[in-house]
């Protein structure tokens, strides 16, 4: 009796990995909602360039995980509270935050004003830690809040101590105006950044918020360029030129200390 030969199993043809496509689409939705606070399914479909039904299914998964919310009044989607858990974990574990936190607390106690640690992210500065003043009138960005690099002392301290190529590229863009005192002329900003480098710190007089003043010093990374900044901010009634001049050396010393800590932890 002849034995029947059983063919060896052949590898299955790889089908498109739809789970990875869905994951990528979900991430794209989160990025889109980070740029635009509220979007409809139709708008998201246009941004993602995919069918509305596909977008709707992805939104359903994100809603179940609390990463996206739907406003019943407008039928528009926005980032959900689940994002905060991710954001807090990211901010909490940043090496620069770990190195700077003791000095942020010390500066807050010594100055009595709000102290902010800002990290560079592309062409923006992102507040990753802040300790608010106990005064009833204060200036305090929320963790995760971002500003263009030409707006405000924390951001300008980073931009001024960036590589020359980065500065040239940034000066070539259209500069957004937040208040009448925001520097939006590229040549004027270029001169201003040179002054910041010469002094070692940046000042902001009502450039981001009317009535708010800030002073900041850069935190330098391993290559000698700014990766973050330490700043003190407060209302113009308390943050006089004399007060800013007193705070600036404290900030520069603290920022240099953070820079050393980062280099030693490498």
C-alpha atoms as a PDB file:
ATOM      1  CA  UNK A   1       0.000   0.000   0.000  1.00  0.00           C
ATOM      2  CA  UNK A   2       1.520   3.283  -1.050  1.00  0.00           C
ATOM      3  CA  UNK A   3       1.764   5.930   1.575  1.00  0.00           C
ATOM      4  CA  UNK A   4       0.254   9.189   0.701  1.00  0.00           C
ATOM      5  CA  UNK A   5       2.768  11.952   0.854  1.00  0.00           C
ATOM      6  CA  UNK A   6       1.647  14.869   2.946  1.00  0.00           C
ATOM      7  CA  UNK A   7       3.025  18.143   1.606  1.00  0.00           C
ATOM      8  CA  UNK A   8       5.072  20.262   3.987  1.00  0.00           C
ATOM      9  CA  UNK A   9       3.227  23.278   5.344  1.00  0.00           C
ATOM     10  CA  UNK A  10       3.903  26.405   3.386  1.00  0.00           C
ATOM     11  CA  UNK A  11       4.208  29.841   4.861  1.00  0.00           C
ATOM     12  CA  UNK A  12       1.032  31.861   4.637  1.00  0.00           C
ATOM     13  CA  UNK A  13       1.163  34.908   2.495  1.00  0.00           C
ATOM     14  CA  UNK A  14       1.487  37.952   4.657  1.00  0.00           C
ATOM     15  CA  UNK A  15      -1.664  40.029   4.553  1.00  0.00           C
ATOM     16  CA  UNK A  16      -1.587  43.735   5.274  1.00  0.00           C
ATOM     17  CA  UNK A  17      -1.278  44.249   9.004  1.00  0.00           C
ATOM     18  CA  UNK A  18      -4.533  46.036   9.622  1.00  0.00           C
ATOM     19  CA  UNK A  19      -3.891  46.276  13.368  1.00  0.00           C
ATOM     20  CA  UNK A  20      -0.741  48.328  12.718  1.00  0.00           C
ATOM     21  CA  UNK A  21      -2.632  50.477  10.222  1.00  0.00           C
ATOM     22  CA  UNK A  22      -5.332  51.079  12.826  1.00  0.00           C
ATOM     23  CA  UNK A  23      -2.711  51.970  15.417  1.00  0.00           C
ATOM     24  CA  UNK A  24      -1.073  54.440  13.053  1.00  0.00           C
ATOM     25  CA  UNK A  25      -4.452  55.952  12.203  1.00  0.00           C
ATOM     26  CA  UNK A  26      -5.287  56.350  15.890  1.00  0.00           C
ATOM     27  CA  UNK A  27      -1.977  58.125  16.521  1.00  0.00           C
ATOM     28  CA  UNK A  28      -2.644  60.422  13.547  1.00  0.00           C
ATOM     29  CA  UNK A  29      -6.045  61.295  15.055  1.00  0.00           C
ATOM     30  CA  UNK A  30      -4.408  62.226  18.367  1.00  0.00           C
ATOM     31  CA  UNK A  31      -1.851  64.403  16.574  1.00  0.00           C
ATOM     32  CA  UNK A  32      -4.621  66.098  14.570  1.00  0.00           C
ATOM     33  CA  UNK A  33      -6.615  66.851  17.727  1.00  0.00           C
ATOM     34  CA  UNK A  34      -3.473  68.207  19.380  1.00  0.00           C
ATOM     35  CA  UNK A  35      -3.180  70.746  16.548  1.00  0.00           C
ATOM     36  CA  UNK A  36      -6.926  71.475  16.278  1.00  0.00           C
ATOM     37  CA  UNK A  37      -8.829  71.427  19.590  1.00  0.00           C
ATOM     38  CA  UNK A  38     -12.089  70.086  18.102  1.00  0.00           C
ATOM     39  CA  UNK A  39     -12.804  68.315  14.814  1.00  0.00           C
ATOM     40  CA  UNK A  40     -15.777  66.484  13.341  1.00  0.00           C
ATOM     41  CA  UNK A  41     -15.580  63.017  11.785  1.00  0.00           C
ATOM     42  CA  UNK A  42     -15.745  64.608   8.327  1.00  0.00           C
ATOM     43  CA  UNK A  43     -12.885  66.987   9.118  1.00  0.00           C
ATOM     44  CA  UNK A  44     -10.741  64.210  10.573  1.00  0.00           C
ATOM     45  CA  UNK A  45     -11.424  62.061   7.515  1.00  0.00           C
ATOM     46  CA  UNK A  46     -10.121  64.827   5.278  1.00  0.00           C
ATOM     47  CA  UNK A  47      -7.029  65.292   7.443  1.00  0.00           C
ATOM     48  CA  UNK A  48      -6.321  61.544   7.513  1.00  0.00           C
ATOM     49  CA  UNK A  49      -7.383  61.041   3.878  1.00  0.00           C
ATOM     50  CA  UNK A  50      -9.387  57.954   4.726  1.00  0.00           C
ATOM     51  CA  UNK A  51     -13.088  56.996   4.615  1.00  0.00           C
ATOM     52  CA  UNK A  52     -15.409  58.454   7.215  1.00  0.00           C
ATOM     53  CA  UNK A  53     -16.475  54.970   8.360  1.00  0.00           C
ATOM     54  CA  UNK A  54     -12.840  54.008   9.020  1.00  0.00           C
ATOM     55  CA  UNK A  55     -12.228  57.207  10.951  1.00  0.00           C
ATOM     56  CA  UNK A  56     -15.376  56.633  12.981  1.00  0.00           C
ATOM     57  CA  UNK A  57     -14.231  53.126  14.001  1.00  0.00           C
ATOM     58  CA  UNK A  58     -10.844  54.468  15.116  1.00  0.00           C
ATOM     59  CA  UNK A  59     -12.542  57.204  17.136  1.00  0.00           C
ATOM     60  CA  UNK A  60     -14.692  54.559  18.840  1.00  0.00           C
ATOM     61  CA  UNK A  61     -11.597  52.716  20.073  1.00  0.00           C
ATOM     62  CA  UNK A  62      -9.980  55.948  21.278  1.00  0.00           C
ATOM     63  CA  UNK A  63     -13.184  56.928  23.099  1.00  0.00           C
ATOM     64  CA  UNK A  64     -13.295  53.594  24.937  1.00  0.00           C
ATOM     65  CA  UNK A  65      -9.734  54.191  26.105  1.00  0.00           C
ATOM     66  CA  UNK A  66     -10.662  57.774  27.181  1.00  0.00           C
ATOM     67  CA  UNK A  67      -8.058  59.251  24.839  1.00  0.00           C
ATOM     68  CA  UNK A  68     -10.756  61.096  22.877  1.00  0.00           C
ATOM     69  CA  UNK A  69     -14.067  62.705  23.925  1.00  0.00           C
ATOM     70  CA  UNK A  70     -17.084  63.643  21.826  1.00  0.00           C
ATOM     71  CA  UNK A  71     -18.995  66.835  22.520  1.00  0.00           C
ATOM     72  CA  UNK A  72     -22.687  65.846  22.228  1.00  0.00           C
ATOM     73  CA  UNK A  73     -23.726  69.433  21.482  1.00  0.00           C
ATOM     74  CA  UNK A  74     -21.441  69.872  18.462  1.00  0.00           C
ATOM     75  CA  UNK A  75     -20.621  66.240  17.537  1.00  0.00           C
ATOM     76  CA  UNK A  76     -16.963  67.263  17.462  1.00  0.00           C
ATOM     77  CA  UNK A  77     -14.094  65.295  18.952  1.00  0.00           C
ATOM     78  CA  UNK A  78     -11.353  66.499  21.253  1.00  0.00           C
ATOM     79  CA  UNK A  79      -8.559  64.967  23.304  1.00  0.00           C
ATOM     80  CA  UNK A  80      -9.815  63.078  26.365  1.00  0.00           C
ATOM     81  CA  UNK A  81      -8.702  62.975  29.964  1.00  0.00           C
ATOM     82  CA  UNK A  82      -6.825  59.733  29.361  1.00  0.00           C
ATOM     83  CA  UNK A  83      -4.170  61.811  27.597  1.00  0.00           C
ATOM     84  CA  UNK A  84      -3.342  63.430  30.943  1.00  0.00           C
ATOM     85  CA  UNK A  85      -2.173  60.108  32.373  1.00  0.00           C
ATOM     86  CA  UNK A  86       0.239  59.692  29.482  1.00  0.00           C
ATOM     87  CA  UNK A  87       1.350  63.319  29.638  1.00  0.00           C
ATOM     88  CA  UNK A  88       2.062  63.207  33.381  1.00  0.00           C
ATOM     89  CA  UNK A  89       4.103  60.032  32.985  1.00  0.00           C
ATOM     90  CA  UNK A  90       6.171  61.567  30.170  1.00  0.00           C
ATOM     91  CA  UNK A  91       6.816  64.819  32.031  1.00  0.00           C
ATOM     92  CA  UNK A  92       7.548  63.053  35.316  1.00  0.00           C
ATOM     93  CA  UNK A  93      10.283  60.886  33.792  1.00  0.00           C
ATOM     94  CA  UNK A  94      12.165  63.492  31.764  1.00  0.00           C
ATOM     95  CA  UNK A  95      15.855  63.566  32.811  1.00  0.00           C
ATOM     96  CA  UNK A  96      15.940  67.368  32.683  1.00  0.00           C
ATOM     97  CA  UNK A  97      12.948  67.570  35.032  1.00  0.00           C
ATOM     98  CA  UNK A  98      14.606  65.164  37.483  1.00  0.00           C
ATOM     99  CA  UNK A  99      17.791  67.244  37.456  1.00  0.00           C
ATOM    100  CA  UNK A 100      16.007  70.597  37.712  1.00  0.00           C
ATOM    101  CA  UNK A 101      13.202  69.919  40.201  1.00  0.00           C
ATOM    102  CA  UNK A 102      15.211  70.593  43.419  1.00  0.00           C
ATOM    103  CA  UNK A 103      16.390  73.916  41.981  1.00  0.00           C
ATOM    104  CA  UNK A 104      12.904  74.832  40.744  1.00  0.00           C
ATOM    105  CA  UNK A 105      11.650  74.385  44.318  1.00  0.00           C
ATOM    106  CA  UNK A 106      14.551  76.393  45.743  1.00  0.00           C
ATOM    107  CA  UNK A 107      14.006  79.257  43.289  1.00  0.00           C
ATOM    108  CA  UNK A 108      10.281  79.325  44.046  1.00  0.00           C
ATOM    109  CA  UNK A 109      10.997  79.606  47.766  1.00  0.00           C
ATOM    110  CA  UNK A 110      13.647  82.311  47.328  1.00  0.00           C
ATOM    111  CA  UNK A 111      11.790  84.426  44.768  1.00  0.00           C
ATOM    112  CA  UNK A 112       8.217  84.054  45.969  1.00  0.00           C
ATOM    113  CA  UNK A 113       7.174  84.050  42.296  1.00  0.00           C
ATOM    114  CA  UNK A 114       6.206  81.334  39.824  1.00  0.00           C
ATOM    115  CA  UNK A 115       9.149  79.273  38.553  1.00  0.00           C
ATOM    116  CA  UNK A 116       8.846  77.412  35.251  1.00  0.00           C
ATOM    117  CA  UNK A 117      10.981  74.732  33.619  1.00  0.00           C
ATOM    118  CA  UNK A 118      10.568  74.846  29.825  1.00  0.00           C
ATOM    119  CA  UNK A 119      11.804  72.203  27.393  1.00  0.00           C
ATOM    120  CA  UNK A 120      12.461  72.709  23.692  1.00  0.00           C
ATOM    121  CA  UNK A 121      10.260  70.739  21.307  1.00  0.00           C
ATOM    122  CA  UNK A 122      11.006  71.714  17.718  1.00  0.00           C
ATOM    123  CA  UNK A 123      10.106  75.374  17.195  1.00  0.00           C
ATOM    124  CA  UNK A 124       8.253  75.576  20.505  1.00  0.00           C
ATOM    125  CA  UNK A 125       8.996  75.676  24.206  1.00  0.00           C
ATOM    126  CA  UNK A 126       6.853  73.380  26.371  1.00  0.00           C
ATOM    127  CA  UNK A 127       6.323  73.969  30.093  1.00  0.00           C
ATOM    128  CA  UNK A 128       7.186  70.680  31.803  1.00  0.00           C
ATOM    129  CA  UNK A 129       7.154  71.850  35.423  1.00  0.00           C
ATOM    130  CA  UNK A 130       5.938  74.919  37.271  1.00  0.00           C
ATOM    131  CA  UNK A 131       5.630  75.866  40.907  1.00  0.00           C
ATOM    132  CA  UNK A 132       3.168  78.703  41.325  1.00  0.00           C
ATOM    133  CA  UNK A 133       3.584  81.749  43.517  1.00  0.00           C
ATOM    134  CA  UNK A 134       1.427  81.908  46.630  1.00  0.00           C
ATOM    135  CA  UNK A 135       0.498  85.487  45.754  1.00  0.00           C
ATOM    136  CA  UNK A 136      -3.148  86.050  44.725  1.00  0.00           C
ATOM    137  CA  UNK A 137      -2.014  87.586  41.408  1.00  0.00           C
ATOM    138  CA  UNK A 138       0.418  85.345  39.552  1.00  0.00           C
ATOM    139  CA  UNK A 139       1.498  84.147  36.122  1.00  0.00           C
ATOM    140  CA  UNK A 140       1.645  80.365  35.708  1.00  0.00           C
ATOM    141  CA  UNK A 141       1.602  78.328  32.474  1.00  0.00           C
ATOM    142  CA  UNK A 142       0.021  74.890  32.755  1.00  0.00           C
ATOM    143  CA  UNK A 143       2.308  71.865  32.290  1.00  0.00           C
ATOM    144  CA  UNK A 144       2.228  70.927  28.620  1.00  0.00           C
ATOM    145  CA  UNK A 145       1.446  74.479  27.449  1.00  0.00           C
ATOM    146  CA  UNK A 146       3.602  75.466  24.478  1.00  0.00           C
ATOM    147  CA  UNK A 147       4.727  78.766  22.981  1.00  0.00           C
ATOM    148  CA  UNK A 148       6.723  79.679  19.843  1.00  0.00           C
ATOM    149  CA  UNK A 149      10.434  80.146  20.544  1.00  0.00           C
ATOM    150  CA  UNK A 150      10.376  83.918  19.949  1.00  0.00           C
ATOM    151  CA  UNK A 151       7.615  84.568  22.511  1.00  0.00           C
ATOM    152  CA  UNK A 152       8.571  85.087  26.140  1.00  0.00           C
ATOM    153  CA  UNK A 153      11.729  84.824  28.228  1.00  0.00           C
ATOM    154  CA  UNK A 154      11.765  80.998  28.661  1.00  0.00           C
ATOM    155  CA  UNK A 155      11.507  80.437  24.915  1.00  0.00           C
ATOM    156  CA  UNK A 156      13.922  83.215  23.890  1.00  0.00           C
ATOM    157  CA  UNK A 157      16.555  81.880  26.323  1.00  0.00           C
ATOM    158  CA  UNK A 158      16.367  78.575  24.441  1.00  0.00           C
ATOM    159  CA  UNK A 159      16.381  80.113  20.960  1.00  0.00           C
ATOM    160  CA  UNK A 160      19.290  82.479  21.693  1.00  0.00           C
ATOM    161  CA  UNK A 161      21.530  79.589  22.756  1.00  0.00           C
ATOM    162  CA  UNK A 162      20.568  77.291  19.876  1.00  0.00           C
ATOM    163  CA  UNK A 163      22.869  76.339  16.980  1.00  0.00           C
ATOM    164  CA  UNK A 164      23.350  79.145  14.451  1.00  0.00           C
ATOM    165  CA  UNK A 165      21.670  77.106  11.701  1.00  0.00           C
ATOM    166  CA  UNK A 166      18.579  76.653  13.880  1.00  0.00           C
ATOM    167  CA  UNK A 167      18.396  80.379  14.563  1.00  0.00           C
ATOM    168  CA  UNK A 168      18.728  81.251  10.855  1.00  0.00           C
ATOM    169  CA  UNK A 169      15.997  78.789   9.955  1.00  0.00           C
ATOM    170  CA  UNK A 170      13.698  80.128  12.673  1.00  0.00           C
ATOM    171  CA  UNK A 171      14.218  83.750  11.640  1.00  0.00           C
ATOM    172  CA  UNK A 172      13.071  82.799   8.154  1.00  0.00           C
ATOM    173  CA  UNK A 173       9.591  81.849   9.328  1.00  0.00           C
ATOM    174  CA  UNK A 174       6.595  84.101   9.864  1.00  0.00           C
ATOM    175  CA  UNK A 175       6.700  85.245  13.476  1.00  0.00           C
ATOM    176  CA  UNK A 176       3.404  85.075  15.349  1.00  0.00           C
ATOM    177  CA  UNK A 177       2.299  88.101  17.394  1.00  0.00           C
ATOM    178  CA  UNK A 178       0.736  87.382  20.789  1.00  0.00           C
ATOM    179  CA  UNK A 179       0.712  90.922  22.200  1.00  0.00           C
ATOM    180  CA  UNK A 180       1.723  94.366  20.882  1.00  0.00           C
ATOM    181  CA  UNK A 181       5.155  93.822  22.464  1.00  0.00           C
ATOM    182  CA  UNK A 182       5.947  90.473  20.835  1.00  0.00           C
ATOM    183  CA  UNK A 183       9.046  90.838  18.628  1.00  0.00           C
ATOM    184  CA  UNK A 184       7.923  89.852  15.132  1.00  0.00           C
ATOM    185  CA  UNK A 185      10.588  91.551  12.990  1.00  0.00           C
ATOM    186  CA  UNK A 186      13.292  88.992  12.149  1.00  0.00           C
ATOM    187  CA  UNK A 187      16.178  91.493  12.074  1.00  0.00           C
ATOM    188  CA  UNK A 188      15.124  93.022  15.382  1.00  0.00           C
ATOM    189  CA  UNK A 189      14.780  89.542  16.888  1.00  0.00           C
ATOM    190  CA  UNK A 190      18.236  88.581  15.591  1.00  0.00           C
ATOM    191  CA  UNK A 191      19.797  91.580  17.374  1.00  0.00           C
ATOM    192  CA  UNK A 192      17.747  90.826  20.489  1.00  0.00           C
ATOM    193  CA  UNK A 193      19.005  87.218  20.589  1.00  0.00           C
ATOM    194  CA  UNK A 194      22.601  88.461  20.360  1.00  0.00           C
ATOM    195  CA  UNK A 195      21.942  90.698  23.398  1.00  0.00           C
ATOM    196  CA  UNK A 196      20.547  87.705  25.301  1.00  0.00           C
ATOM    197  CA  UNK A 197      23.696  85.680  24.562  1.00  0.00           C
ATOM    198  CA  UNK A 198      25.874  88.559  25.726  1.00  0.00           C
ATOM    199  CA  UNK A 199      23.961  88.898  29.026  1.00  0.00           C
ATOM    200  CA  UNK A 200      23.440  85.179  29.589  1.00  0.00           C
ATOM    201  CA  UNK A 201      19.702  85.498  30.244  1.00  0.00           C
ATOM    202  CA  UNK A 202      16.465  86.642  28.584  1.00  0.00           C
ATOM    203  CA  UNK A 203      13.769  89.072  29.675  1.00  0.00           C
ATOM    204  CA  UNK A 204      10.166  89.360  28.533  1.00  0.00           C
ATOM    205  CA  UNK A 205       8.074  92.433  29.144  1.00  0.00           C
ATOM    206  CA  UNK A 206       4.433  91.700  28.292  1.00  0.00           C
ATOM    207  CA  UNK A 207       5.402  89.720  25.177  1.00  0.00           C
ATOM    208  CA  UNK A 208       3.154  86.717  25.875  1.00  0.00           C
ATOM    209  CA  UNK A 209       0.515  88.083  28.259  1.00  0.00           C
ATOM    210  CA  UNK A 210      -0.283  91.726  28.854  1.00  0.00           C
ATOM    211  CA  UNK A 211       0.815  92.620  32.391  1.00  0.00           C
ATOM    212  CA  UNK A 212       3.229  89.667  32.706  1.00  0.00           C
ATOM    213  CA  UNK A 213       7.024  89.792  32.999  1.00  0.00           C
ATOM    214  CA  UNK A 214       9.530  86.960  32.858  1.00  0.00           C
ATOM    215  CA  UNK A 215      13.252  86.368  33.161  1.00  0.00           C
ATOM    216  CA  UNK A 216      14.948  83.106  32.114  1.00  0.00           C
ATOM    217  CA  UNK A 217      18.330  81.415  31.765  1.00  0.00           C
ATOM    218  CA  UNK A 218      19.236  78.542  29.398  1.00  0.00           C
ATOM    219  CA  UNK A 219      19.942  74.965  30.420  1.00  0.00           C
ATOM    220  CA  UNK A 220      22.653  73.618  28.133  1.00  0.00           C
ATOM    221  CA  UNK A 221      22.894  70.060  26.876  1.00  0.00           C
ATOM    222  CA  UNK A 222      25.958  67.928  26.191  1.00  0.00           C
ATOM    223  CA  UNK A 223      26.823  69.802  22.990  1.00  0.00           C
ATOM    224  CA  UNK A 224      26.669  73.227  24.637  1.00  0.00           C
ATOM    225  CA  UNK A 225      23.322  74.315  23.180  1.00  0.00           C
ATOM    226  CA  UNK A 226      20.100  75.074  25.038  1.00  0.00           C
ATOM    227  CA  UNK A 227      17.690  72.193  25.521  1.00  0.00           C
ATOM    228  CA  UNK A 228      15.573  73.886  28.198  1.00  0.00           C
ATOM    229  CA  UNK A 229      15.338  76.964  30.406  1.00  0.00           C
ATOM    230  CA  UNK A 230      14.560  78.039  33.946  1.00  0.00           C
ATOM    231  CA  UNK A 231      12.360  81.099  34.365  1.00  0.00           C
ATOM    232  CA  UNK A 232      10.716  83.255  36.995  1.00  0.00           C
ATOM    233  CA  UNK A 233       7.508  85.027  36.000  1.00  0.00           C
ATOM    234  CA  UNK A 234       5.079  87.384  37.669  1.00  0.00           C
ATOM    235  CA  UNK A 235       2.894  90.465  37.238  1.00  0.00           C
ATOM    236  CA  UNK A 236       4.532  93.687  36.131  1.00  0.00           C
ATOM    237  CA  UNK A 237       3.594  95.360  39.427  1.00  0.00           C
ATOM    238  CA  UNK A 238       6.047  93.104  41.292  1.00  0.00           C
ATOM    239  CA  UNK A 239       8.517  92.250  38.543  1.00  0.00           C
ATOM    240  CA  UNK A 240      10.236  95.631  38.307  1.00  0.00           C
ATOM    241  CA  UNK A 241      13.509  96.126  36.390  1.00  0.00           C
ATOM    242  CA  UNK A 242      15.354  96.089  39.727  1.00  0.00           C
ATOM    243  CA  UNK A 243      13.688  92.802  40.711  1.00  0.00           C
ATOM    244  CA  UNK A 244      14.518  91.226  37.343  1.00  0.00           C
ATOM    245  CA  UNK A 245      18.162  92.304  37.732  1.00  0.00           C
ATOM    246  CA  UNK A 246      18.252  90.610  41.155  1.00  0.00           C
ATOM    247  CA  UNK A 247      16.640  87.389  39.926  1.00  0.00           C
ATOM    248  CA  UNK A 248      18.804  86.992  36.805  1.00  0.00           C
ATOM    249  CA  UNK A 249      22.039  85.885  38.587  1.00  0.00           C
ATOM    250  CA  UNK A 250      20.053  83.397  40.696  1.00  0.00           C
ATOM    251  CA  UNK A 251      18.543  81.897  37.557  1.00  0.00           C
ATOM    252  CA  UNK A 252      21.865  81.699  35.711  1.00  0.00           C
ATOM    253  CA  UNK A 253      23.511  79.912  38.656  1.00  0.00           C
ATOM    254  CA  UNK A 254      20.606  77.464  38.943  1.00  0.00           C
ATOM    255  CA  UNK A 255      20.546  76.791  35.184  1.00  0.00           C
ATOM    256  CA  UNK A 256      24.308  76.111  35.172  1.00  0.00           C
ATOM    257  CA  UNK A 257      23.812  73.714  38.082  1.00  0.00           C
ATOM    258  CA  UNK A 258      21.122  71.808  36.165  1.00  0.00           C
ATOM    259  CA  UNK A 259      23.384  71.678  33.108  1.00  0.00           C
ATOM    260  CA  UNK A 260      26.189  70.162  35.213  1.00  0.00           C
ATOM    261  CA  UNK A 261      23.816  67.613  36.734  1.00  0.00           C
ATOM    262  CA  UNK A 262      22.671  66.517  33.295  1.00  0.00           C
ATOM    263  CA  UNK A 263      26.247  66.139  32.061  1.00  0.00           C
ATOM    264  CA  UNK A 264      27.265  64.128  35.139  1.00  0.00           C
ATOM    265  CA  UNK A 265      24.293  61.800  34.744  1.00  0.00           C
ATOM    266  CA  UNK A 266      25.221  60.947  31.174  1.00  0.00           C
END
